[in-house]
N, C-alpha and C. Protein backbone atom coordinates (compact mmCIF):
# COMPACT_ATOMS: atom_id res chain seq x y z
N MET A 1 -12.92 -49.55 62.17
CA MET A 1 -11.76 -49.71 61.42
C MET A 1 -12.18 -49.71 60.19
N TRP A 2 -13.14 -49.89 59.45
CA TRP A 2 -13.38 -50.07 58.09
C TRP A 2 -13.77 -48.35 57.80
N ARG A 3 -14.23 -47.43 58.58
CA ARG A 3 -14.30 -46.24 58.07
C ARG A 3 -13.33 -45.58 58.27
N ARG A 4 -12.30 -45.94 58.74
CA ARG A 4 -10.96 -45.57 58.70
C ARG A 4 -10.41 -45.71 57.36
N ILE A 5 -10.10 -47.04 57.27
CA ILE A 5 -9.85 -47.32 55.66
C ILE A 5 -10.75 -46.80 54.40
N LEU A 6 -12.09 -46.67 54.68
CA LEU A 6 -12.46 -45.92 53.50
C LEU A 6 -12.51 -44.42 53.74
N LEU A 7 -11.85 -43.59 54.46
CA LEU A 7 -11.47 -42.60 54.65
C LEU A 7 -10.03 -42.39 54.09
N LEU A 8 -9.10 -43.36 54.40
CA LEU A 8 -7.66 -43.43 53.32
C LEU A 8 -8.31 -43.53 52.11
N PHE A 9 -8.88 -44.62 51.54
CA PHE A 9 -9.30 -44.65 50.35
C PHE A 9 -9.83 -43.34 49.58
N ILE A 10 -10.75 -42.73 50.19
CA ILE A 10 -11.09 -41.32 49.74
C ILE A 10 -10.27 -40.32 49.39
N ALA A 11 -8.91 -40.53 50.48
CA ALA A 11 -8.11 -39.17 50.14
C ALA A 11 -7.19 -39.72 49.14
N ALA A 12 -6.88 -41.21 49.01
CA ALA A 12 -5.82 -40.96 47.82
C ALA A 12 -6.69 -40.86 46.98
N VAL A 13 -7.82 -41.44 46.28
CA VAL A 13 -8.79 -41.33 45.41
C VAL A 13 -8.44 -39.72 44.62
N GLY A 14 -8.67 -38.76 46.00
CA GLY A 14 -8.96 -37.34 45.86
C GLY A 14 -7.28 -36.81 45.23
N ALA A 15 -6.82 -37.59 45.99
CA ALA A 15 -4.66 -37.04 45.88
C ALA A 15 -4.93 -37.54 43.74
N LEU A 16 -5.32 -38.38 43.68
CA LEU A 16 -5.01 -38.77 41.91
C LEU A 16 -6.10 -37.99 40.90
N ALA A 17 -6.79 -37.42 41.83
CA ALA A 17 -7.92 -37.09 41.02
C ALA A 17 -7.21 -35.66 39.48
N PRO A 18 -7.96 -35.51 38.58
CA PRO A 18 -7.35 -34.57 37.84
C PRO A 18 -7.80 -33.02 38.27
N VAL A 19 -6.77 -31.92 38.11
CA VAL A 19 -6.48 -30.92 38.31
C VAL A 19 -8.09 -30.04 37.92
N ALA A 20 -8.47 -29.65 38.93
CA ALA A 20 -9.83 -28.56 38.73
C ALA A 20 -9.62 -27.26 38.07
N ILE A 21 -9.32 -27.27 36.63
CA ILE A 21 -9.22 -25.83 36.05
C ILE A 21 -10.08 -25.80 35.30
N ALA A 22 -10.43 -24.67 34.97
CA ALA A 22 -11.38 -24.21 34.15
C ALA A 22 -10.74 -23.71 33.14
N ALA A 23 -11.82 -23.42 31.61
CA ALA A 23 -10.58 -23.25 30.50
C ALA A 23 -10.40 -21.59 30.64
N GLU A 24 -11.82 -20.61 31.40
CA GLU A 24 -11.58 -19.51 31.79
C GLU A 24 -10.62 -18.99 32.76
N ASP A 25 -10.18 -19.83 33.48
CA ASP A 25 -9.30 -19.59 34.59
C ASP A 25 -8.25 -18.78 34.33
N LYS A 26 -7.78 -17.27 34.93
CA LYS A 26 -6.88 -17.03 34.62
C LYS A 26 -5.16 -17.44 35.34
N ALA A 27 -4.42 -17.26 34.52
CA ALA A 27 -3.22 -17.99 35.30
C ALA A 27 -2.24 -16.67 35.63
N THR A 28 -1.27 -16.65 36.45
CA THR A 28 -0.19 -15.77 36.97
C THR A 28 1.21 -16.11 37.05
N ILE A 29 2.18 -15.70 36.44
CA ILE A 29 3.27 -16.50 36.37
C ILE A 29 4.50 -15.34 37.15
N LEU A 30 5.35 -15.99 37.82
CA LEU A 30 6.44 -15.01 38.35
C LEU A 30 8.26 -16.05 38.27
N ASP A 31 8.83 -15.48 37.50
CA ASP A 31 9.80 -15.76 37.39
C ASP A 31 11.42 -15.60 38.61
N LEU A 32 12.02 -16.19 38.67
CA LEU A 32 12.96 -15.53 39.70
C LEU A 32 14.12 -14.69 39.22
N GLY A 33 14.74 -14.03 39.50
CA GLY A 33 15.78 -13.11 39.61
C GLY A 33 15.71 -11.93 39.55
N GLY A 34 16.08 -11.32 38.58
CA GLY A 34 16.27 -9.42 38.93
C GLY A 34 15.17 -8.80 38.25
N TYR A 35 14.23 -7.85 38.95
CA TYR A 35 13.73 -7.04 38.15
C TYR A 35 13.73 -5.35 38.73
N ASP A 36 14.40 -4.91 37.32
CA ASP A 36 14.45 -3.42 37.64
C ASP A 36 13.61 -2.55 36.98
N GLY A 37 13.12 -2.22 38.30
CA GLY A 37 11.55 -1.69 38.06
C GLY A 37 10.31 -1.93 37.72
N ASP A 38 10.56 -3.08 37.33
CA ASP A 38 9.47 -3.78 36.50
C ASP A 38 8.75 -5.22 37.42
N LEU A 39 9.14 -5.15 38.55
CA LEU A 39 8.21 -6.25 39.62
C LEU A 39 7.01 -6.33 39.85
N PRO A 40 6.19 -7.19 39.55
CA PRO A 40 4.84 -7.18 39.31
C PRO A 40 4.38 -6.69 40.36
N ARG A 41 3.23 -5.96 40.90
CA ARG A 41 2.64 -5.61 42.40
C ARG A 41 2.25 -6.80 43.06
N HIS A 42 1.95 -8.17 42.36
CA HIS A 42 1.05 -9.04 43.11
C HIS A 42 2.44 -9.71 43.78
N ALA A 43 3.42 -10.00 43.48
CA ALA A 43 4.85 -10.52 43.82
C ALA A 43 5.07 -11.42 45.06
N ALA A 44 4.44 -10.39 46.02
CA ALA A 44 4.79 -10.98 46.95
C ALA A 44 3.76 -12.08 47.60
N GLY A 45 4.19 -13.17 48.66
CA GLY A 45 3.43 -13.85 49.07
C GLY A 45 3.59 -15.41 49.17
N GLU A 46 2.46 -16.62 48.90
CA GLU A 46 2.80 -17.43 48.47
C GLU A 46 2.04 -18.02 47.12
N TRP A 47 2.94 -18.72 46.64
CA TRP A 47 2.98 -19.21 45.27
C TRP A 47 2.97 -20.52 45.06
N LEU A 48 2.75 -21.21 44.05
CA LEU A 48 3.46 -22.81 43.64
C LEU A 48 4.71 -22.46 42.74
N ALA A 49 5.25 -23.17 43.44
CA ALA A 49 6.98 -23.21 42.65
C ALA A 49 6.60 -24.52 41.77
N LEU A 50 7.07 -24.33 40.69
CA LEU A 50 7.20 -25.72 39.54
C LEU A 50 8.85 -25.91 39.74
N CYS A 51 8.88 -27.00 41.19
CA CYS A 51 10.15 -27.59 41.30
C CYS A 51 11.05 -28.45 40.85
N PRO A 52 12.22 -28.55 40.74
CA PRO A 52 12.82 -30.14 40.42
C PRO A 52 12.63 -30.91 41.77
N ALA A 53 12.27 -31.89 41.31
CA ALA A 53 12.42 -33.08 42.51
C ALA A 53 13.07 -34.06 42.40
N ALA A 54 13.45 -35.10 43.03
CA ALA A 54 14.05 -36.25 42.94
C ALA A 54 13.16 -37.12 41.61
N THR A 55 11.66 -37.18 41.85
CA THR A 55 11.15 -38.06 40.74
C THR A 55 10.71 -37.32 39.82
N GLY A 56 11.06 -36.08 39.71
CA GLY A 56 10.96 -35.42 38.11
C GLY A 56 10.59 -34.20 38.37
N VAL A 57 9.35 -33.40 38.33
CA VAL A 57 8.71 -32.25 38.63
C VAL A 57 7.91 -32.20 39.96
N GLU A 58 7.87 -31.17 40.43
CA GLU A 58 6.45 -31.22 41.45
C GLU A 58 5.96 -29.88 41.78
N LEU A 59 4.90 -29.36 41.97
CA LEU A 59 4.57 -28.35 42.37
C LEU A 59 4.50 -28.08 44.01
N LYS A 60 4.93 -27.00 44.70
CA LYS A 60 5.45 -27.05 45.80
C LYS A 60 5.05 -25.53 46.90
N ARG A 61 4.37 -25.50 47.38
CA ARG A 61 4.40 -24.37 48.23
C ARG A 61 5.30 -23.50 48.65
N VAL A 62 5.80 -22.37 48.61
CA VAL A 62 6.70 -21.57 48.61
C VAL A 62 6.37 -19.97 49.04
N GLN A 63 7.08 -19.43 49.95
CA GLN A 63 7.00 -17.77 50.20
C GLN A 63 8.27 -17.18 49.23
N VAL A 64 7.49 -16.33 48.56
CA VAL A 64 8.80 -15.16 47.83
C VAL A 64 9.49 -14.62 48.84
N LYS A 65 11.03 -14.62 48.48
CA LYS A 65 11.88 -13.58 49.45
C LYS A 65 12.21 -12.64 47.88
N ILE A 66 11.91 -10.96 48.55
CA ILE A 66 12.13 -10.04 47.50
C ILE A 66 13.42 -8.99 47.97
N THR A 67 14.14 -9.13 47.67
CA THR A 67 15.43 -8.10 48.15
C THR A 67 15.86 -6.61 47.17
N ALA A 68 15.81 -5.99 47.60
CA ALA A 68 16.24 -4.51 46.88
C ALA A 68 18.11 -4.56 46.88
N TYR A 69 18.25 -3.89 45.47
CA TYR A 69 19.70 -4.00 44.88
C TYR A 69 19.66 -2.60 44.32
N ARG A 70 20.67 -2.08 44.28
CA ARG A 70 21.15 -1.25 42.88
C ARG A 70 21.06 -1.44 41.80
N SER A 71 20.24 -0.66 41.25
CA SER A 71 20.28 -1.16 39.70
C SER A 71 20.93 -0.23 38.88
N SER A 72 21.90 -0.92 38.29
CA SER A 72 22.59 -0.17 37.26
C SER A 72 21.88 0.36 35.95
N MET A 73 20.89 -0.82 35.71
CA MET A 73 19.94 -0.02 34.31
C MET A 73 19.49 0.96 34.76
N LEU A 74 18.70 1.11 35.93
CA LEU A 74 18.07 2.27 36.31
C LEU A 74 18.61 3.73 36.71
N ASP A 75 20.20 3.06 36.61
CA ASP A 75 21.21 4.75 37.11
C ASP A 75 21.09 4.83 38.55
N ASP A 76 20.86 3.70 39.64
CA ASP A 76 20.76 4.23 40.50
C ASP A 76 21.99 5.00 41.56
N GLY A 77 21.73 5.90 42.24
CA GLY A 77 22.32 6.76 42.69
C GLY A 77 22.71 5.76 43.98
N PRO A 78 24.21 6.35 44.81
CA PRO A 78 24.61 5.55 46.04
C PRO A 78 23.46 5.35 47.10
N ASN A 79 22.27 5.72 47.28
CA ASN A 79 21.63 5.43 48.04
C ASN A 79 20.26 5.50 47.56
N GLN A 80 20.27 4.63 46.38
CA GLN A 80 19.28 3.96 45.87
C GLN A 80 19.41 2.43 45.87
N LYS A 81 17.73 2.05 46.13
CA LYS A 81 17.52 0.59 45.32
C LYS A 81 16.38 0.41 45.06
N THR A 82 16.29 0.26 43.52
CA THR A 82 15.13 0.41 42.83
C THR A 82 15.14 -1.14 42.36
N GLY A 83 16.26 -2.20 42.28
CA GLY A 83 16.11 -2.91 41.58
C GLY A 83 15.38 -4.11 42.62
N ARG A 84 14.99 -4.92 42.48
CA ARG A 84 14.49 -6.29 43.41
C ARG A 84 14.46 -7.79 42.49
N GLN A 85 15.42 -8.60 43.56
CA GLN A 85 15.68 -9.80 43.64
C GLN A 85 14.92 -10.69 44.08
N VAL A 86 13.86 -11.53 43.27
CA VAL A 86 13.29 -12.41 43.74
C VAL A 86 13.86 -14.11 44.00
N GLU A 87 13.47 -14.09 44.96
CA GLU A 87 13.82 -16.08 45.21
C GLU A 87 12.89 -16.79 46.09
N THR A 88 13.52 -17.93 46.11
CA THR A 88 12.78 -18.74 46.85
C THR A 88 13.11 -19.75 47.49
N PRO A 89 13.47 -19.47 48.73
CA PRO A 89 14.33 -20.48 49.66
C PRO A 89 13.72 -21.73 49.62
N GLY A 90 12.48 -22.32 49.39
CA GLY A 90 11.67 -23.25 49.80
C GLY A 90 12.14 -24.27 48.65
N CYS A 91 12.54 -23.27 47.46
CA CYS A 91 12.83 -24.79 45.69
C CYS A 91 14.09 -23.16 45.07
N PRO A 92 15.22 -23.36 45.39
CA PRO A 92 16.13 -22.34 44.90
C PRO A 92 15.69 -22.33 43.53
N GLN A 93 15.89 -23.49 42.48
CA GLN A 93 15.85 -23.77 41.07
C GLN A 93 14.43 -23.61 40.67
N ALA A 94 14.09 -23.13 40.95
CA ALA A 94 12.26 -23.31 40.60
C ALA A 94 12.34 -22.62 39.02
N HIS A 95 11.72 -23.70 38.41
CA HIS A 95 11.50 -23.38 37.18
C HIS A 95 10.27 -22.22 36.89
N ALA A 96 9.33 -21.93 37.61
CA ALA A 96 8.35 -20.91 37.59
C ALA A 96 7.91 -20.75 38.81
N LEU A 97 6.77 -19.66 39.12
CA LEU A 97 6.06 -19.46 39.95
C LEU A 97 4.90 -19.18 39.48
N LEU A 98 3.87 -20.10 39.85
CA LEU A 98 2.51 -20.07 39.50
C LEU A 98 1.55 -19.78 40.35
N ARG A 99 0.35 -18.88 39.79
CA ARG A 99 -0.69 -18.92 40.65
C ARG A 99 -2.12 -19.05 39.68
N LEU A 100 -3.01 -20.18 39.94
CA LEU A 100 -3.75 -20.69 39.01
C LEU A 100 -4.65 -21.04 39.97
N ARG A 101 -6.00 -21.03 39.52
CA ARG A 101 -7.31 -21.78 40.37
C ARG A 101 -7.14 -23.00 39.86
N GLY A 102 -7.22 -23.95 41.44
CA GLY A 102 -7.22 -25.26 40.62
C GLY A 102 -5.84 -26.29 41.05
N LEU A 103 -4.93 -25.27 40.80
CA LEU A 103 -3.76 -26.18 41.06
C LEU A 103 -3.26 -26.26 42.39
N ARG A 104 -2.92 -27.83 42.97
CA ARG A 104 -2.56 -27.80 44.09
C ARG A 104 -1.24 -28.36 44.01
N ALA A 105 -0.28 -28.77 45.28
CA ALA A 105 0.89 -28.97 45.41
C ALA A 105 1.01 -30.81 44.96
N GLY A 106 1.80 -30.92 44.62
CA GLY A 106 2.04 -32.75 44.40
C GLY A 106 2.84 -32.82 42.89
N PRO A 107 3.20 -33.93 42.93
CA PRO A 107 4.13 -34.19 41.66
C PRO A 107 3.30 -34.33 40.22
N LEU A 108 3.85 -33.95 38.94
CA LEU A 108 3.06 -33.35 38.10
C LEU A 108 4.18 -34.84 36.96
N ALA A 109 2.93 -34.75 35.78
CA ALA A 109 3.63 -35.57 34.66
C ALA A 109 4.35 -34.83 33.98
N THR A 110 5.58 -35.30 33.75
CA THR A 110 6.45 -34.43 32.81
C THR A 110 6.97 -35.34 31.48
N ALA A 111 6.73 -34.48 30.66
CA ALA A 111 7.24 -34.76 29.44
C ALA A 111 8.75 -35.34 29.38
N VAL A 112 8.51 -36.45 28.18
CA VAL A 112 10.04 -37.38 28.39
C VAL A 112 10.65 -36.91 26.55
N GLU A 113 11.86 -36.64 27.03
CA GLU A 113 12.83 -35.87 25.57
C GLU A 113 13.27 -37.36 24.66
N ARG A 114 12.63 -37.67 23.86
CA ARG A 114 12.99 -38.74 23.23
C ARG A 114 13.45 -38.63 21.27
N ASP A 115 14.31 -38.76 20.94
CA ASP A 115 14.53 -38.39 19.36
C ASP A 115 14.13 -37.29 18.90
N GLY A 116 14.40 -36.01 19.67
CA GLY A 116 13.89 -34.75 19.23
C GLY A 116 12.35 -34.14 19.66
N LYS A 117 11.70 -35.49 20.26
CA LYS A 117 10.56 -34.99 20.66
C LYS A 117 10.13 -35.21 22.07
N LEU A 118 8.88 -34.36 22.63
CA LEU A 118 8.46 -34.83 23.86
C LEU A 118 7.58 -35.30 23.35
N VAL A 119 7.49 -36.79 24.57
CA VAL A 119 6.41 -37.80 24.62
C VAL A 119 5.80 -37.43 25.94
N LEU A 120 4.37 -37.10 25.94
CA LEU A 120 3.47 -37.16 26.72
C LEU A 120 2.22 -37.82 26.56
N SER A 121 1.63 -39.09 27.22
CA SER A 121 0.34 -39.60 27.25
C SER A 121 0.36 -40.42 26.05
N GLY A 122 1.39 -40.48 25.40
CA GLY A 122 1.16 -41.14 23.90
C GLY A 122 1.54 -40.44 22.70
N GLY A 123 1.28 -39.19 23.09
CA GLY A 123 1.45 -37.91 22.10
C GLY A 123 3.09 -37.81 22.10
N GLU A 124 3.27 -37.66 20.76
CA GLU A 124 4.80 -37.15 20.50
C GLU A 124 4.49 -35.45 19.82
N TYR A 125 4.96 -34.88 20.80
CA TYR A 125 5.17 -33.42 20.46
C TYR A 125 6.63 -33.05 19.62
N VAL A 126 6.57 -31.91 18.83
CA VAL A 126 7.85 -31.51 18.40
C VAL A 126 7.92 -29.74 18.98
N ALA A 127 8.70 -29.21 19.52
CA ALA A 127 8.70 -27.44 20.24
C ALA A 127 10.08 -27.47 19.55
N ARG A 128 10.03 -26.24 18.49
CA ARG A 128 11.40 -26.05 18.33
C ARG A 128 11.49 -24.24 17.52
N ALA A 129 12.80 -24.08 17.16
CA ALA A 129 12.86 -22.60 17.05
C ALA A 129 12.99 -22.91 15.24
N GLU A 130 12.43 -22.41 14.08
CA GLU A 130 12.44 -22.36 12.73
C GLU A 130 13.20 -21.12 12.57
N GLY A 131 13.97 -21.20 11.47
CA GLY A 131 14.44 -20.11 10.72
C GLY A 131 15.53 -19.22 11.00
N VAL A 132 16.12 -19.83 12.06
CA VAL A 132 17.16 -19.59 12.60
C VAL A 132 18.36 -19.53 12.16
N PRO A 133 18.81 -17.83 12.36
CA PRO A 133 20.51 -17.67 11.09
C PRO A 133 21.53 -18.07 11.85
N GLU A 134 22.68 -18.38 10.96
CA GLU A 134 23.42 -18.68 11.40
C GLU A 134 24.45 -17.41 12.42
N PRO A 135 24.92 -17.44 13.26
CA PRO A 135 25.22 -16.52 14.36
C PRO A 135 26.05 -15.76 13.76
N GLU A 136 26.94 -15.48 12.36
CA GLU A 136 27.19 -14.26 11.86
C GLU A 136 26.27 -13.90 10.93
N ASP A 137 24.98 -14.52 10.55
CA ASP A 137 24.04 -13.58 9.86
C ASP A 137 23.19 -12.95 10.96
N ARG A 138 23.20 -13.28 12.14
CA ARG A 138 22.01 -12.58 12.91
C ARG A 138 22.38 -11.08 13.03
N ASN A 139 20.64 -10.78 12.74
CA ASN A 139 20.60 -9.36 12.80
C ASN A 139 19.41 -9.26 13.66
N CYS A 140 19.57 -7.83 14.20
CA CYS A 140 18.41 -7.41 15.28
C CYS A 140 18.09 -6.28 14.47
N ASP A 141 17.35 -6.34 13.37
CA ASP A 141 16.34 -5.02 13.43
C ASP A 141 15.35 -4.99 13.41
N GLY A 142 14.55 -6.06 14.54
CA GLY A 142 13.23 -5.78 14.50
C GLY A 142 12.50 -6.93 13.60
N GLN A 143 13.05 -7.14 12.44
CA GLN A 143 11.83 -8.41 11.83
C GLN A 143 11.84 -9.55 12.28
N ASP A 144 10.65 -9.90 12.11
CA ASP A 144 10.41 -11.62 12.80
C ASP A 144 11.05 -12.77 11.92
N THR A 145 11.96 -13.06 12.12
CA THR A 145 12.85 -13.91 11.16
C THR A 145 12.65 -15.40 11.79
N ILE A 146 12.70 -15.61 13.40
CA ILE A 146 12.57 -16.60 14.02
C ILE A 146 11.16 -16.91 14.37
N ALA A 147 10.66 -18.35 13.93
CA ALA A 147 9.11 -18.57 14.56
C ALA A 147 9.61 -20.15 15.66
N PHE A 148 9.00 -20.21 16.73
CA PHE A 148 9.00 -20.90 17.59
C PHE A 148 7.58 -21.88 17.21
N VAL A 149 7.36 -22.75 17.24
CA VAL A 149 6.55 -23.81 16.29
C VAL A 149 6.79 -25.05 17.25
N LEU A 150 5.48 -25.41 17.57
CA LEU A 150 4.83 -26.20 18.38
C LEU A 150 3.63 -27.43 17.27
N SER A 151 4.21 -28.64 17.26
CA SER A 151 3.47 -29.56 16.27
C SER A 151 3.01 -31.13 17.17
N LEU A 152 1.87 -31.28 16.69
CA LEU A 152 1.69 -32.62 17.23
C LEU A 152 0.83 -33.64 15.69
N GLY A 153 1.81 -34.50 15.51
CA GLY A 153 0.95 -34.83 14.06
C GLY A 153 1.28 -33.93 12.64
N ASP A 154 0.09 -33.75 12.14
CA ASP A 154 -0.15 -32.95 11.33
C ASP A 154 -0.68 -31.18 11.57
N ARG A 155 -0.65 -31.53 13.07
CA ARG A 155 -0.98 -30.05 13.34
C ARG A 155 0.07 -29.34 13.86
N ARG A 156 0.25 -27.81 13.60
CA ARG A 156 1.46 -27.21 13.55
C ARG A 156 0.57 -25.64 13.98
N GLN A 157 1.44 -24.94 15.23
CA GLN A 157 0.91 -24.01 15.66
C GLN A 157 2.19 -23.08 16.15
N VAL A 158 2.16 -21.74 15.32
CA VAL A 158 3.22 -20.96 15.80
C VAL A 158 3.09 -20.02 16.74
N LEU A 159 3.62 -20.32 18.27
CA LEU A 159 3.62 -19.84 19.49
C LEU A 159 4.14 -18.34 19.25
N GLU A 160 5.26 -18.05 18.96
CA GLU A 160 5.97 -16.73 18.67
C GLU A 160 7.16 -16.90 18.22
N ARG A 161 7.23 -14.95 17.86
CA ARG A 161 8.12 -14.88 16.79
C ARG A 161 9.30 -13.78 17.46
N SER A 162 10.22 -13.67 16.46
CA SER A 162 11.33 -13.35 16.86
C SER A 162 12.28 -12.60 15.94
N ASP A 163 13.04 -11.60 16.21
CA ASP A 163 14.00 -10.99 15.10
C ASP A 163 15.29 -11.89 15.35
N GLY A 164 16.07 -11.90 14.66
CA GLY A 164 17.55 -12.89 14.47
C GLY A 164 18.17 -12.79 15.92
N CYS A 165 18.36 -11.57 16.81
CA CYS A 165 18.59 -11.92 18.07
C CYS A 165 17.95 -12.40 18.90
N GLY A 166 16.93 -12.82 18.95
CA GLY A 166 15.99 -13.83 19.81
C GLY A 166 16.15 -15.11 20.02
N ASP A 167 15.88 -15.44 21.12
CA ASP A 167 16.30 -17.12 21.39
C ASP A 167 14.99 -17.34 22.34
N PHE A 168 15.10 -18.98 21.88
CA PHE A 168 13.62 -19.72 22.45
C PHE A 168 14.46 -21.15 22.86
N LYS A 169 13.77 -21.22 24.27
CA LYS A 169 14.00 -22.54 25.30
C LYS A 169 13.02 -23.16 25.98
N VAL A 170 12.64 -23.82 25.89
CA VAL A 170 11.63 -24.81 26.39
C VAL A 170 12.19 -25.24 27.61
N ARG A 171 11.55 -24.49 28.77
CA ARG A 171 12.01 -24.54 30.59
C ARG A 171 11.49 -25.76 30.91
N TRP A 172 10.28 -26.10 30.73
CA TRP A 172 9.58 -27.48 31.18
C TRP A 172 8.23 -27.50 30.09
N ALA A 173 8.15 -28.87 30.33
CA ALA A 173 7.03 -29.26 29.19
C ALA A 173 6.48 -30.69 29.99
N GLY A 174 5.41 -30.48 30.15
CA GLY A 174 4.21 -31.60 31.26
C GLY A 174 2.76 -30.95 31.05
N ASP A 175 2.33 -32.10 32.14
CA ASP A 175 1.15 -32.00 32.23
C ASP A 175 0.35 -30.91 33.19
N LEU A 176 0.57 -29.71 33.34
CA LEU A 176 0.29 -29.01 34.59
C LEU A 176 -1.20 -28.90 34.89
N ASP A 177 -2.48 -28.69 33.72
CA ASP A 177 -3.86 -28.82 34.08
C ASP A 177 -4.28 -29.89 34.21
N GLY A 178 -3.87 -30.97 34.19
CA GLY A 178 -4.62 -32.57 34.23
C GLY A 178 -5.78 -32.91 33.38
N ASP A 179 -4.98 -32.65 32.28
CA ASP A 179 -5.95 -32.92 31.00
C ASP A 179 -5.14 -34.03 30.12
N GLY A 180 -4.09 -34.47 30.16
CA GLY A 180 -3.12 -35.30 29.58
C GLY A 180 -2.70 -34.85 28.24
N LYS A 181 -2.98 -33.54 28.21
CA LYS A 181 -2.21 -32.53 26.90
C LYS A 181 -0.84 -31.77 27.11
N LEU A 182 -0.47 -31.85 26.53
CA LEU A 182 0.79 -30.95 26.68
C LEU A 182 1.02 -29.21 27.19
N ASP A 183 1.61 -28.84 28.18
CA ASP A 183 1.23 -27.49 28.69
C ASP A 183 3.36 -27.19 28.61
N LEU A 184 3.39 -26.02 28.35
CA LEU A 184 4.87 -25.85 28.61
C LEU A 184 5.21 -24.28 29.11
N LEU A 185 6.55 -24.09 29.53
CA LEU A 185 6.77 -22.98 29.95
C LEU A 185 7.78 -22.64 28.84
N LEU A 186 7.64 -21.64 28.30
CA LEU A 186 8.76 -21.21 26.98
C LEU A 186 9.87 -19.95 27.24
N ASP A 187 10.70 -20.24 27.54
CA ASP A 187 11.97 -19.15 28.10
C ASP A 187 12.23 -18.53 26.59
N GLU A 188 12.12 -17.08 26.17
CA GLU A 188 12.23 -16.56 25.54
C GLU A 188 13.22 -14.83 25.55
N LYS A 189 14.53 -15.27 25.00
CA LYS A 189 15.72 -14.04 25.58
C LYS A 189 15.61 -13.24 24.28
N LEU A 190 15.01 -11.78 24.28
CA LEU A 190 14.73 -10.71 23.91
C LEU A 190 15.76 -9.93 23.13
N SER A 191 16.16 -8.86 22.39
CA SER A 191 16.98 -8.64 21.90
C SER A 191 17.69 -7.54 22.56
N SER A 192 16.86 -7.50 23.94
CA SER A 192 17.74 -6.19 24.98
C SER A 192 17.80 -6.59 26.02
N GLY A 193 18.41 -8.37 25.69
CA GLY A 193 18.60 -9.36 26.72
C GLY A 193 17.60 -9.33 27.92
N ALA A 194 16.68 -9.13 28.19
CA ALA A 194 15.14 -9.30 29.03
C ALA A 194 14.98 -10.44 28.36
N THR A 195 14.59 -11.45 29.75
CA THR A 195 13.73 -12.56 29.65
C THR A 195 12.39 -12.33 29.98
N MET A 196 11.64 -12.96 28.74
CA MET A 196 10.54 -13.26 28.72
C MET A 196 9.94 -14.71 29.25
N LEU A 197 9.10 -14.99 29.90
CA LEU A 197 8.71 -16.22 30.18
C LEU A 197 7.05 -16.35 29.92
N HIS A 198 6.74 -17.37 29.37
CA HIS A 198 5.51 -17.88 28.41
C HIS A 198 5.03 -19.12 29.35
N LEU A 199 4.25 -18.80 29.76
CA LEU A 199 3.05 -20.40 29.98
C LEU A 199 1.68 -20.43 28.94
N TYR A 200 1.81 -21.84 28.60
CA TYR A 200 0.76 -22.17 27.67
C TYR A 200 0.59 -23.36 28.40
N LEU A 201 -0.86 -23.43 27.89
CA LEU A 201 -1.84 -24.44 28.60
C LEU A 201 -2.85 -25.02 27.19
N SER A 202 -3.20 -26.35 27.40
CA SER A 202 -3.64 -26.91 26.46
C SER A 202 -5.40 -26.86 27.12
N ARG A 203 -5.58 -26.45 27.75
CA ARG A 203 -6.83 -26.73 28.53
C ARG A 203 -7.51 -25.21 27.82
N GLY A 204 -8.47 -25.17 27.20
CA GLY A 204 -9.32 -23.59 26.35
C GLY A 204 -8.27 -23.46 25.29
N ALA A 205 -7.82 -24.08 24.77
CA ALA A 205 -7.11 -23.71 23.24
C ALA A 205 -8.14 -24.05 22.55
N GLY A 206 -9.19 -24.37 22.61
CA GLY A 206 -9.69 -24.25 21.03
C GLY A 206 -9.12 -25.42 20.32
N SER A 207 -9.37 -25.11 19.06
CA SER A 207 -8.52 -25.94 18.16
C SER A 207 -7.16 -25.82 17.86
N GLU A 208 -6.47 -24.73 18.46
CA GLU A 208 -4.98 -25.00 18.67
C GLU A 208 -4.40 -26.14 19.60
N LEU A 209 -3.39 -26.19 19.78
CA LEU A 209 -2.45 -27.00 20.53
C LEU A 209 -2.68 -26.53 22.18
N VAL A 210 -2.04 -25.17 22.06
CA VAL A 210 -1.90 -24.72 23.23
C VAL A 210 -2.73 -23.32 23.24
N ARG A 211 -2.95 -22.23 24.39
CA ARG A 211 -2.85 -21.29 24.49
C ARG A 211 -2.13 -20.82 25.48
N GLU A 212 -1.88 -19.28 25.00
CA GLU A 212 -0.51 -18.49 26.07
C GLU A 212 -1.86 -17.90 27.11
N ALA A 213 -1.37 -18.58 28.70
CA ALA A 213 -1.92 -18.50 29.91
C ALA A 213 -1.72 -17.02 30.42
N ALA A 214 -0.53 -16.92 30.40
CA ALA A 214 0.47 -16.19 31.30
C ALA A 214 1.85 -15.47 30.58
N ARG A 215 2.57 -14.46 30.88
CA ARG A 215 3.72 -14.24 30.53
C ARG A 215 4.22 -13.03 31.64
N VAL A 216 5.73 -13.18 31.70
CA VAL A 216 6.19 -12.27 32.69
C VAL A 216 7.54 -12.13 32.20
N VAL A 217 7.96 -10.68 32.24
CA VAL A 217 9.32 -9.97 31.45
C VAL A 217 10.25 -9.66 32.68
N HIS A 218 11.10 -9.84 32.70
CA HIS A 218 12.32 -9.00 33.73
C HIS A 218 13.88 -9.24 33.02
N GLY A 219 14.52 -8.41 33.61
CA GLY A 219 16.26 -7.90 33.17
C GLY A 219 16.08 -7.20 32.15
N GLY A 220 17.62 -7.59 31.18
CA GLY A 220 17.65 -6.63 30.19
C GLY A 220 18.87 -5.45 30.38
N CYS A 221 18.81 -4.81 29.55
CA CYS A 221 19.70 -3.69 29.43
C CYS A 221 19.33 -2.36 29.26
């Protein structure tokens, strides 16, 4: 009996242990949606989905479903289907699909939005776009006028820059790599209409708040 109790205790402690991710480990991400000739070769198979759950967000093992479709962007003919639609029936509303050594399925600590800040483990982060022009003044001239900035106290880091037609949105923020610091998924709408999804991790960021661990782009015109 005591042996069984000990084994259950060890299993419980293991489930709460930090994620074993090394700073040098490389991440791969995939977004749901349409890919017009630009689907990554590694797309098929099993992924960990960043999946909305009743208690917040969890990592869930899923299989990707890839369906061919006629791509108007690539001028597919009647018998052509070069587009690829990526879906995950096991988590239809996944924020992103991840592959990173050390990650495991289970609930994640998610930042709480409070008074315009992202609060996680006592830290109050601010993630916002700066220099956004008024709608009538937006100019798709390729000149970087918008900066997406992450800050914590007096620490400030520019994550991405875009021209006046770009748009940014935090898709998810929380602790993915188990170090108690903020990681985030940043959704960037490019002037071409494409979506670029960025994954930023705090682990291995050095003197910065985060480092870009992976990105994927799809869609557009």
